[in-house]
Amino acid sequence: MLNATIVGQITSALQHDEQGRRYCTVYSDQARRSVRVLVRNDRHAELISQLPKGARLSATGTLHSRGAIGPSGQTLAYLQIALHTLKIHEARQ
């Protein structure tokens, strides 16, 4: 298993996927990529649910991916990080 870290801003509130797992989506300006962050820990879920959309955080955990073919025929990669470590960044003023 590979570990990965994404540093970016929350673009969706906590929600449940098709298997009932909690997740939020984090977008990284640097990577120009969105990643679904799976949240298993209740404390992490509580912290994330209190953050406003656009709040910055670092999420580190086990990387999972799956591929698909998009409507235009392009290959798409869906990335997920099963969260182990969470760091919330101070709001910029």
PDB file of N, CA and C in Angstrom:
ATOM      1  N   MET A   1       0.824  -1.179   0.000  1.00  0.00           N
ATOM      2  CA  MET A   1       0.000   0.000   0.000  1.00  0.00           C
ATOM      3  C   MET A   1       0.873   1.249   0.000  1.00  0.00           C
ATOM      4  N   LEU A   2       0.431   2.234  -0.718  1.00  0.00           N
ATOM      5  CA  LEU A   2       1.127   3.522  -0.771  1.00  0.00           C
ATOM      6  C   LEU A   2       0.458   4.513   0.160  1.00  0.00           C
ATOM      7  N   ASN A   3       1.268   5.327   0.815  1.00  0.00           N
ATOM      8  CA  ASN A   3       0.738   6.439   1.594  1.00  0.00           C
ATOM      9  C   ASN A   3       0.817   7.690   0.747  1.00  0.00           C
ATOM     10  N   ALA A   4      -0.146   8.571   0.947  1.00  0.00           N
ATOM     11  CA  ALA A   4      -0.191   9.812   0.183  1.00  0.00           C
ATOM     12  C   ALA A   4      -0.668  10.937   1.082  1.00  0.00           C
ATOM     13  N   THR A   5      -0.305  12.159   0.704  1.00  0.00           N
ATOM     14  CA  THR A   5      -0.745  13.356   1.412  1.00  0.00           C
ATOM     15  C   THR A   5      -1.294  14.336   0.396  1.00  0.00           C
ATOM     16  N   ILE A   6      -2.411  14.945   0.733  1.00  0.00           N
ATOM     17  CA  ILE A   6      -2.929  16.042  -0.072  1.00  0.00           C
ATOM     18  C   ILE A   6      -3.078  17.250   0.842  1.00  0.00           C
ATOM     19  N   VAL A   7      -2.653  18.405   0.340  1.00  0.00           N
ATOM     20  CA  VAL A   7      -2.813  19.672   1.046  1.00  0.00           C
ATOM     21  C   VAL A   7      -3.693  20.530   0.160  1.00  0.00           C
ATOM     22  N   GLY A   8      -4.841  20.915   0.675  1.00  0.00           N
ATOM     23  CA  GLY A   8      -5.747  21.699  -0.146  1.00  0.00           C
ATOM     24  C   GLY A   8      -6.952  22.162   0.637  1.00  0.00           C
ATOM     25  N   GLN A   9      -7.977  22.538  -0.085  1.00  0.00           N
ATOM     26  CA  GLN A   9      -9.175  23.067   0.548  1.00  0.00           C
ATOM     27  C   GLN A   9     -10.357  22.130   0.365  1.00  0.00           C
ATOM     28  N   ILE A  10     -11.204  22.110   1.367  1.00  0.00           N
ATOM     29  CA  ILE A  10     -12.395  21.268   1.333  1.00  0.00           C
ATOM     30  C   ILE A  10     -13.362  21.837   0.300  1.00  0.00           C
ATOM     31  N   THR A  11     -13.815  20.987  -0.610  1.00  0.00           N
ATOM     32  CA  THR A  11     -14.775  21.448  -1.618  1.00  0.00           C
ATOM     33  C   THR A  11     -16.154  20.830  -1.426  1.00  0.00           C
ATOM     34  N   SER A  12     -16.277  19.873  -0.509  1.00  0.00           N
ATOM     35  CA  SER A  12     -17.591  19.307  -0.202  1.00  0.00           C
ATOM     36  C   SER A  12     -17.656  18.958   1.275  1.00  0.00           C
ATOM     37  N   ALA A  13     -18.834  19.083   1.845  1.00  0.00           N
ATOM     38  CA  ALA A  13     -19.049  18.713   3.241  1.00  0.00           C
ATOM     39  C   ALA A  13     -18.974  17.193   3.370  1.00  0.00           C
ATOM     40  N   LEU A  14     -18.906  16.720   4.607  1.00  0.00           N
ATOM     41  CA  LEU A  14     -18.909  15.271   4.828  1.00  0.00           C
ATOM     42  C   LEU A  14     -20.197  14.680   4.276  1.00  0.00           C
ATOM     43  N   GLN A  15     -20.055  13.583   3.582  1.00  0.00           N
ATOM     44  CA  GLN A  15     -21.201  12.850   3.044  1.00  0.00           C
ATOM     45  C   GLN A  15     -20.862  11.374   3.036  1.00  0.00           C
ATOM     46  N   HIS A  16     -21.785  10.541   2.610  1.00  0.00           N
ATOM     47  CA  HIS A  16     -21.570   9.095   2.581  1.00  0.00           C
ATOM     48  C   HIS A  16     -21.520   8.612   1.139  1.00  0.00           C
ATOM     49  N   ASP A  17     -20.570   7.689   0.877  1.00  0.00           N
ATOM     50  CA  ASP A  17     -20.466   7.123  -0.467  1.00  0.00           C
ATOM     51  C   ASP A  17     -21.433   5.952  -0.612  1.00  0.00           C
ATOM     52  N   GLU A  18     -21.350   5.288  -1.751  1.00  0.00           N
ATOM     53  CA  GLU A  18     -22.267   4.184  -2.050  1.00  0.00           C
ATOM     54  C   GLU A  18     -22.125   2.999  -1.098  1.00  0.00           C
ATOM     55  N   GLN A  19     -21.007   2.891  -0.398  1.00  0.00           N
ATOM     56  CA  GLN A  19     -20.818   1.821   0.594  1.00  0.00           C
ATOM     57  C   GLN A  19     -21.074   2.302   2.022  1.00  0.00           C
ATOM     58  N   GLY A  20     -21.520   3.545   2.186  1.00  0.00           N
ATOM     59  CA  GLY A  20     -21.850   4.072   3.497  1.00  0.00           C
ATOM     60  C   GLY A  20     -20.675   4.671   4.257  1.00  0.00           C
ATOM     61  N   ARG A  21     -19.530   4.831   3.595  1.00  0.00           N
ATOM     62  CA  ARG A  21     -18.347   5.410   4.247  1.00  0.00           C
ATOM     63  C   ARG A  21     -18.414   6.932   4.175  1.00  0.00           C
ATOM     64  N   ARG A  22     -17.969   7.591   5.246  1.00  0.00           N
ATOM     65  CA  ARG A  22     -17.941   9.059   5.259  1.00  0.00           C
ATOM     66  C   ARG A  22     -16.744   9.549   4.457  1.00  0.00           C
ATOM     67  N   TYR A  23     -16.958  10.652   3.735  1.00  0.00           N
ATOM     68  CA  TYR A  23     -15.857  11.263   2.990  1.00  0.00           C
ATOM     69  C   TYR A  23     -16.132  12.740   2.758  1.00  0.00           C
ATOM     70  N   CYS A  24     -15.048  13.460   2.455  1.00  0.00           N
ATOM     71  CA  CYS A  24     -15.158  14.816   1.939  1.00  0.00           C
ATOM     72  C   CYS A  24     -14.199  14.893   0.753  1.00  0.00           C
ATOM     73  N   THR A  25     -14.352  15.914  -0.036  1.00  0.00           N
ATOM     74  CA  THR A  25     -13.484  16.098  -1.191  1.00  0.00           C
ATOM     75  C   THR A  25     -12.548  17.263  -0.921  1.00  0.00           C
ATOM     76  N   VAL A  26     -11.266  17.059  -1.232  1.00  0.00           N
ATOM     77  CA  VAL A  26     -10.249  18.082  -1.025  1.00  0.00           C
ATOM     78  C   VAL A  26      -9.596  18.376  -2.368  1.00  0.00           C
ATOM     79  N   TYR A  27      -9.490  19.666  -2.710  1.00  0.00           N
ATOM     80  CA  TYR A  27      -8.864  20.077  -3.962  1.00  0.00           C
ATOM     81  C   TYR A  27      -7.521  20.720  -3.664  1.00  0.00           C
ATOM     82  N   SER A  28      -6.484  20.280  -4.370  1.00  0.00           N
ATOM     83  CA  SER A  28      -5.147  20.847  -4.240  1.00  0.00           C
ATOM     84  C   SER A  28      -4.856  21.735  -5.438  1.00  0.00           C
ATOM     85  N   ASP A  29      -4.600  23.030  -5.182  1.00  0.00           N
ATOM     86  CA  ASP A  29      -4.219  23.953  -6.259  1.00  0.00           C
ATOM     87  C   ASP A  29      -2.903  23.523  -6.890  1.00  0.00           C
ATOM     88  N   GLN A  30      -1.976  23.083  -6.049  1.00  0.00           N
ATOM     89  CA  GLN A  30      -0.651  22.699  -6.533  1.00  0.00           C
ATOM     90  C   GLN A  30      -0.730  21.498  -7.476  1.00  0.00           C
ATOM     91  N   ALA A  31      -1.507  20.495  -7.106  1.00  0.00           N
ATOM     92  CA  ALA A  31      -1.620  19.291  -7.937  1.00  0.00           C
ATOM     93  C   ALA A  31      -2.703  19.439  -9.007  1.00  0.00           C
ATOM     94  N   ARG A  32      -3.532  20.466  -8.875  1.00  0.00           N
ATOM     95  CA  ARG A  32      -4.687  20.657  -9.772  1.00  0.00           C
ATOM     96  C   ARG A  32      -5.518  19.382  -9.840  1.00  0.00           C
ATOM     97  N   ARG A  33      -5.867  18.887  -8.660  1.00  0.00           N
ATOM     98  CA  ARG A  33      -6.512  17.583  -8.555  1.00  0.00           C
ATOM     99  C   ARG A  33      -7.412  17.546  -7.322  1.00  0.00           C
ATOM    100  N   SER A  34      -8.554  16.890  -7.441  1.00  0.00           N
ATOM    101  CA  SER A  34      -9.421  16.620  -6.299  1.00  0.00           C
ATOM    102  C   SER A  34      -9.239  15.179  -5.863  1.00  0.00           C
ATOM    103  N   VAL A  35      -9.287  14.978  -4.564  1.00  0.00           N
ATOM    104  CA  VAL A  35      -9.147  13.645  -3.993  1.00  0.00           C
ATOM    105  C   VAL A  35     -10.254  13.457  -2.970  1.00  0.00           C
ATOM    106  N   ARG A  36     -10.852  12.289  -2.976  1.00  0.00           N
ATOM    107  CA  ARG A  36     -11.850  11.944  -1.969  1.00  0.00           C
ATOM    108  C   ARG A  36     -11.112  11.430  -0.740  1.00  0.00           C
ATOM    109  N   VAL A  37     -11.381  12.036   0.402  1.00  0.00           N
ATOM    110  CA  VAL A  37     -10.732  11.644   1.658  1.00  0.00           C
ATOM    111  C   VAL A  37     -11.752  10.862   2.487  1.00  0.00           C
ATOM    112  N   LEU A  38     -11.480   9.568   2.677  1.00  0.00           N
ATOM    113  CA  LEU A  38     -12.361   8.702   3.462  1.00  0.00           C
ATOM    114  C   LEU A  38     -12.063   8.901   4.942  1.00  0.00           C
ATOM    115  N   VAL A  39     -13.096   9.202   5.723  1.00  0.00           N
ATOM    116  CA  VAL A  39     -12.943   9.536   7.137  1.00  0.00           C
ATOM    117  C   VAL A  39     -13.553   8.415   7.974  1.00  0.00           C
ATOM    118  N   ARG A  40     -12.710   7.655   8.646  1.00  0.00           N
ATOM    119  CA  ARG A  40     -13.192   6.533   9.464  1.00  0.00           C
ATOM    120  C   ARG A  40     -13.259   6.879  10.939  1.00  0.00           C
ATOM    121  N   ASN A  41     -12.415   7.802  11.379  1.00  0.00           N
ATOM    122  CA  ASN A  41     -12.303   8.170  12.777  1.00  0.00           C
ATOM    123  C   ASN A  41     -13.386   9.192  13.134  1.00  0.00           C
ATOM    124  N   ASP A  42     -14.138   8.927  14.209  1.00  0.00           N
ATOM    125  CA  ASP A  42     -15.220   9.832  14.608  1.00  0.00           C
ATOM    126  C   ASP A  42     -14.706  11.215  14.982  1.00  0.00           C
ATOM    127  N   ARG A  43     -13.554  11.293  15.605  1.00  0.00           N
ATOM    128  CA  ARG A  43     -12.978  12.593  15.986  1.00  0.00           C
ATOM    129  C   ARG A  43     -12.610  13.402  14.743  1.00  0.00           C
ATOM    130  N   HIS A  44     -12.001  12.752  13.750  1.00  0.00           N
ATOM    131  CA  HIS A  44     -11.692  13.444  12.493  1.00  0.00           C
ATOM    132  C   HIS A  44     -12.978  13.927  11.827  1.00  0.00           C
ATOM    133  N   ALA A  45     -14.010  13.090  11.830  1.00  0.00           N
ATOM    134  CA  ALA A  45     -15.283  13.466  11.215  1.00  0.00           C
ATOM    135  C   ALA A  45     -15.881  14.682  11.913  1.00  0.00           C
ATOM    136  N   GLU A  46     -15.792  14.714  13.235  1.00  0.00           N
ATOM    137  CA  GLU A  46     -16.313  15.845  13.995  1.00  0.00           C
ATOM    138  C   GLU A  46     -15.561  17.132  13.649  1.00  0.00           C
ATOM    139  N   LEU A  47     -14.231  17.042  13.589  1.00  0.00           N
ATOM    140  CA  LEU A  47     -13.423  18.220  13.247  1.00  0.00           C
ATOM    141  C   LEU A  47     -13.741  18.726  11.847  1.00  0.00           C
ATOM    142  N   ILE A  48     -13.798  17.820  10.888  1.00  0.00           N
ATOM    143  CA  ILE A  48     -14.056  18.210   9.493  1.00  0.00           C
ATOM    144  C   ILE A  48     -15.449  18.803   9.346  1.00  0.00           C
ATOM    145  N   SER A  49     -16.431  18.243  10.052  1.00  0.00           N
ATOM    146  CA  SER A  49     -17.804  18.749   9.921  1.00  0.00           C
ATOM    147  C   SER A  49     -17.945  20.179  10.454  1.00  0.00           C
ATOM    148  N   GLN A  50     -17.027  20.606  11.325  1.00  0.00           N
ATOM    149  CA  GLN A  50     -17.072  21.961  11.864  1.00  0.00           C
ATOM    150  C   GLN A  50     -16.369  22.983  10.965  1.00  0.00           C
ATOM    151  N   LEU A  51     -15.646  22.505   9.966  1.00  0.00           N
ATOM    152  CA  LEU A  51     -14.914  23.405   9.077  1.00  0.00           C
ATOM    153  C   LEU A  51     -15.808  23.924   7.963  1.00  0.00           C
ATOM    154  N   PRO A  52     -15.630  25.181   7.575  1.00  0.00           N
ATOM    155  CA  PRO A  52     -16.401  25.698   6.445  1.00  0.00           C
ATOM    156  C   PRO A  52     -15.820  25.199   5.120  1.00  0.00           C
ATOM    157  N   LYS A  53     -16.652  25.207   4.102  1.00  0.00           N
ATOM    158  CA  LYS A  53     -16.174  24.882   2.764  1.00  0.00           C
ATOM    159  C   LYS A  53     -15.062  25.867   2.420  1.00  0.00           C
ATOM    160  N   GLY A  54     -13.971  25.383   1.852  1.00  0.00           N
ATOM    161  CA  GLY A  54     -12.838  26.230   1.515  1.00  0.00           C
ATOM    162  C   GLY A  54     -11.745  26.218   2.565  1.00  0.00           C
ATOM    163  N   ALA A  55     -12.019  25.610   3.736  1.00  0.00           N
ATOM    164  CA  ALA A  55     -10.994  25.525   4.776  1.00  0.00           C
ATOM    165  C   ALA A  55      -9.850  24.651   4.272  1.00  0.00           C
ATOM    166  N   ARG A  56      -8.622  25.003   4.686  1.00  0.00           N
ATOM    167  CA  ARG A  56      -7.441  24.273   4.231  1.00  0.00           C
ATOM    168  C   ARG A  56      -7.035  23.217   5.249  1.00  0.00           C
ATOM    169  N   LEU A  57      -6.639  22.055   4.723  1.00  0.00           N
ATOM    170  CA  LEU A  57      -6.164  20.984   5.579  1.00  0.00           C
ATOM    171  C   LEU A  57      -5.164  20.121   4.846  1.00  0.00           C
ATOM    172  N   SER A  58      -4.454  19.319   5.617  1.00  0.00           N
ATOM    173  CA  SER A  58      -3.559  18.291   5.077  1.00  0.00           C
ATOM    174  C   SER A  58      -4.125  16.951   5.507  1.00  0.00           C
ATOM    175  N   ALA A  59      -4.264  16.049   4.576  1.00  0.00           N
ATOM    176  CA  ALA A  59      -4.780  14.712   4.865  1.00  0.00           C
ATOM    177  C   ALA A  59      -3.753  13.688   4.386  1.00  0.00           C
ATOM    178  N   THR A  60      -3.348  12.805   5.299  1.00  0.00           N
ATOM    179  CA  THR A  60      -2.385  11.765   4.974  1.00  0.00           C
ATOM    180  C   THR A  60      -3.008  10.414   5.289  1.00  0.00           C
ATOM    181  N   GLY A  61      -2.788   9.449   4.398  1.00  0.00           N
ATOM    182  CA  GLY A  61      -3.316   8.108   4.626  1.00  0.00           C
ATOM    183  C   GLY A  61      -2.976   7.183   3.488  1.00  0.00           C
ATOM    184  N   THR A  62      -3.665   6.060   3.447  1.00  0.00           N
ATOM    185  CA  THR A  62      -3.442   5.038   2.433  1.00  0.00           C
ATOM    186  C   THR A  62      -4.135   5.431   1.133  1.00  0.00           C
ATOM    187  N   LEU A  63      -3.392   5.376   0.041  1.00  0.00           N
ATOM    188  CA  LEU A  63      -3.912   5.769  -1.265  1.00  0.00           C
ATOM    189  C   LEU A  63      -4.608   4.600  -1.940  1.00  0.00           C
ATOM    190  N   HIS A  64      -5.796   4.870  -2.455  1.00  0.00           N
ATOM    191  CA  HIS A  64      -6.555   3.894  -3.244  1.00  0.00           C
ATOM    192  C   HIS A  64      -6.940   4.581  -4.552  1.00  0.00           C
ATOM    193  N   SER A  65      -7.001   3.826  -5.616  1.00  0.00           N
ATOM    194  CA  SER A  65      -7.410   4.422  -6.888  1.00  0.00           C
ATOM    195  C   SER A  65      -8.191   3.403  -7.699  1.00  0.00           C
ATOM    196  N   ARG A  66      -8.979   3.933  -8.615  1.00  0.00           N
ATOM    197  CA  ARG A  66      -9.667   3.081  -9.583  1.00  0.00           C
ATOM    198  C   ARG A  66      -9.806   3.883 -10.864  1.00  0.00           C
ATOM    199  N   GLY A  67      -9.849   3.194 -11.944  1.00  0.00           N
ATOM    200  CA  GLY A  67      -9.944   3.846 -13.239  1.00  0.00           C
ATOM    201  C   GLY A  67     -11.312   3.677 -13.854  1.00  0.00           C
ATOM    202  N   ALA A  68     -11.606   4.536 -14.805  1.00  0.00           N
ATOM    203  CA  ALA A  68     -12.868   4.472 -15.535  1.00  0.00           C
ATOM    204  C   ALA A  68     -12.671   5.156 -16.877  1.00  0.00           C
ATOM    205  N   ILE A  69     -13.582   4.905 -17.767  1.00  0.00           N
ATOM    206  CA  ILE A  69     -13.596   5.575 -19.065  1.00  0.00           C
ATOM    207  C   ILE A  69     -14.710   6.614 -19.027  1.00  0.00           C
ATOM    208  N   GLY A  70     -14.346   7.866 -19.263  1.00  0.00           N
ATOM    209  CA  GLY A  70     -15.304   8.961 -19.239  1.00  0.00           C
ATOM    210  C   GLY A  70     -16.185   8.964 -20.473  1.00  0.00           C
ATOM    211  N   PRO A  71     -17.223   9.808 -20.482  1.00  0.00           N
ATOM    212  CA  PRO A  71     -18.162   9.889 -21.607  1.00  0.00           C
ATOM    213  C   PRO A  71     -17.483  10.241 -22.928  1.00  0.00           C
ATOM    214  N   SER A  72     -16.369  10.971 -22.859  1.00  0.00           N
ATOM    215  CA  SER A  72     -15.684  11.362 -24.088  1.00  0.00           C
ATOM    216  C   SER A  72     -14.653  10.316 -24.525  1.00  0.00           C
ATOM    217  N   GLY A  73     -14.565   9.208 -23.778  1.00  0.00           N
ATOM    218  CA  GLY A  73     -13.617   8.159 -24.124  1.00  0.00           C
ATOM    219  C   GLY A  73     -12.268   8.292 -23.452  1.00  0.00           C
ATOM    220  N   GLN A  74     -12.092   9.335 -22.634  1.00  0.00           N
ATOM    221  CA  GLN A  74     -10.825   9.525 -21.934  1.00  0.00           C
ATOM    222  C   GLN A  74     -10.772   8.640 -20.693  1.00  0.00           C
ATOM    223  N   THR A  75      -9.557   8.249 -20.342  1.00  0.00           N
ATOM    224  CA  THR A  75      -9.344   7.480 -19.126  1.00  0.00           C
ATOM    225  C   THR A  75      -9.343   8.425 -17.932  1.00  0.00           C
ATOM    226  N   LEU A  76     -10.075   8.052 -16.895  1.00  0.00           N
ATOM    227  CA  LEU A  76     -10.160   8.851 -15.680  1.00  0.00           C
ATOM    228  C   LEU A  76      -9.611   8.043 -14.514  1.00  0.00           C
ATOM    229  N   ALA A  77      -8.946   8.706 -13.587  1.00  0.00           N
ATOM    230  CA  ALA A  77      -8.460   8.053 -12.377  1.00  0.00           C
ATOM    231  C   ALA A  77      -9.138   8.710 -11.178  1.00  0.00           C
ATOM    232  N   TYR A  78      -9.803   7.902 -10.384  1.00  0.00           N
ATOM    233  CA  TYR A  78     -10.435   8.381  -9.165  1.00  0.00           C
ATOM    234  C   TYR A  78      -9.528   8.019  -7.995  1.00  0.00           C
ATOM    235  N   LEU A  79      -9.077   9.033  -7.268  1.00  0.00           N
ATOM    236  CA  LEU A  79      -8.158   8.817  -6.156  1.00  0.00           C
ATOM    237  C   LEU A  79      -8.881   9.010  -4.828  1.00  0.00           C
ATOM    238  N   GLN A  80      -8.560   8.125  -3.877  1.00  0.00           N
ATOM    239  CA  GLN A  80      -9.087   8.218  -2.526  1.00  0.00           C
ATOM    240  C   GLN A  80      -7.941   8.040  -1.546  1.00  0.00           C
ATOM    241  N   ILE A  81      -8.017   8.763  -0.444  1.00  0.00           N
ATOM    242  CA  ILE A  81      -7.065   8.590   0.642  1.00  0.00           C
ATOM    243  C   ILE A  81      -7.866   8.171   1.870  1.00  0.00           C
ATOM    244  N   ALA A  82      -7.535   6.996   2.422  1.00  0.00           N
ATOM    245  CA  ALA A  82      -8.137   6.554   3.681  1.00  0.00           C
ATOM    246  C   ALA A  82      -7.379   7.271   4.795  1.00  0.00           C
ATOM    247  N   LEU A  83      -8.015   8.227   5.421  1.00  0.00           N
ATOM    248  CA  LEU A  83      -7.377   9.168   6.334  1.00  0.00           C
ATOM    249  C   LEU A  83      -6.785   8.500   7.569  1.00  0.00           C
ATOM    250  N   HIS A  84      -5.517   8.838   7.847  1.00  0.00           N
ATOM    251  CA  HIS A  84      -4.845   8.427   9.081  1.00  0.00           C
ATOM    252  C   HIS A  84      -4.483   9.654   9.917  1.00  0.00           C
ATOM    253  N   THR A  85      -3.957  10.694   9.260  1.00  0.00           N
ATOM    254  CA  THR A  85      -3.492  11.894   9.950  1.00  0.00           C
ATOM    255  C   THR A  85      -4.129  13.123   9.316  1.00  0.00           C
ATOM    256  N   LEU A  86      -4.619  14.003  10.163  1.00  0.00           N
ATOM    257  CA  LEU A  86      -5.294  15.215   9.713  1.00  0.00           C
ATOM    258  C   LEU A  86      -4.626  16.424  10.342  1.00  0.00           C
ATOM    259  N   LYS A  87      -4.369  17.451   9.544  1.00  0.00           N
ATOM    260  CA  LYS A  87      -3.845  18.713  10.057  1.00  0.00           C
ATOM    261  C   LYS A  87      -4.686  19.834   9.470  1.00  0.00           C
ATOM    262  N   ILE A  88      -5.250  20.663  10.329  1.00  0.00           N
ATOM    263  CA  ILE A  88      -6.063  21.792   9.894  1.00  0.00           C
ATOM    264  C   ILE A  88      -5.180  23.027   9.869  1.00  0.00           C
ATOM    265  N   HIS A  89      -5.203  23.762   8.760  1.00  0.00           N
ATOM    266  CA  HIS A  89      -4.371  24.960   8.599  1.00  0.00           C
ATOM    267  C   HIS A  89      -5.140  26.194   9.062  1.00  0.00           C
ATOM    268  N   GLU A  90      -4.402  27.147   9.584  1.00  0.00           N
ATOM    269  CA  GLU A  90      -4.997  28.415  10.012  1.00  0.00           C
ATOM    270  C   GLU A  90      -5.570  29.131   8.802  1.00  0.00           C
ATOM    271  N   ALA A  91      -6.670  29.822   9.014  1.00  0.00           N
ATOM    272  CA  ALA A  91      -7.288  30.602   7.943  1.00  0.00           C
ATOM    273  C   ALA A  91      -6.389  31.779   7.599  1.00  0.00           C
ATOM    274  N   ARG A  92      -6.217  32.037   6.312  1.00  0.00           N
ATOM    275  CA  ARG A  92      -5.424  33.181   5.848  1.00  0.00           C
ATOM    276  C   ARG A  92      -6.279  34.427   5.920  1.00  0.00           C
ATOM    277  N   GLN A  93      -5.636  35.524   6.293  1.00  0.00           N
ATOM    278  CA  GLN A  93      -6.389  36.778   6.384  1.00  0.00           C
ATOM    279  C   GLN A  93      -5.865  37.808   5.434  1.00  0.00           C
TER     280      GLN A  93
END
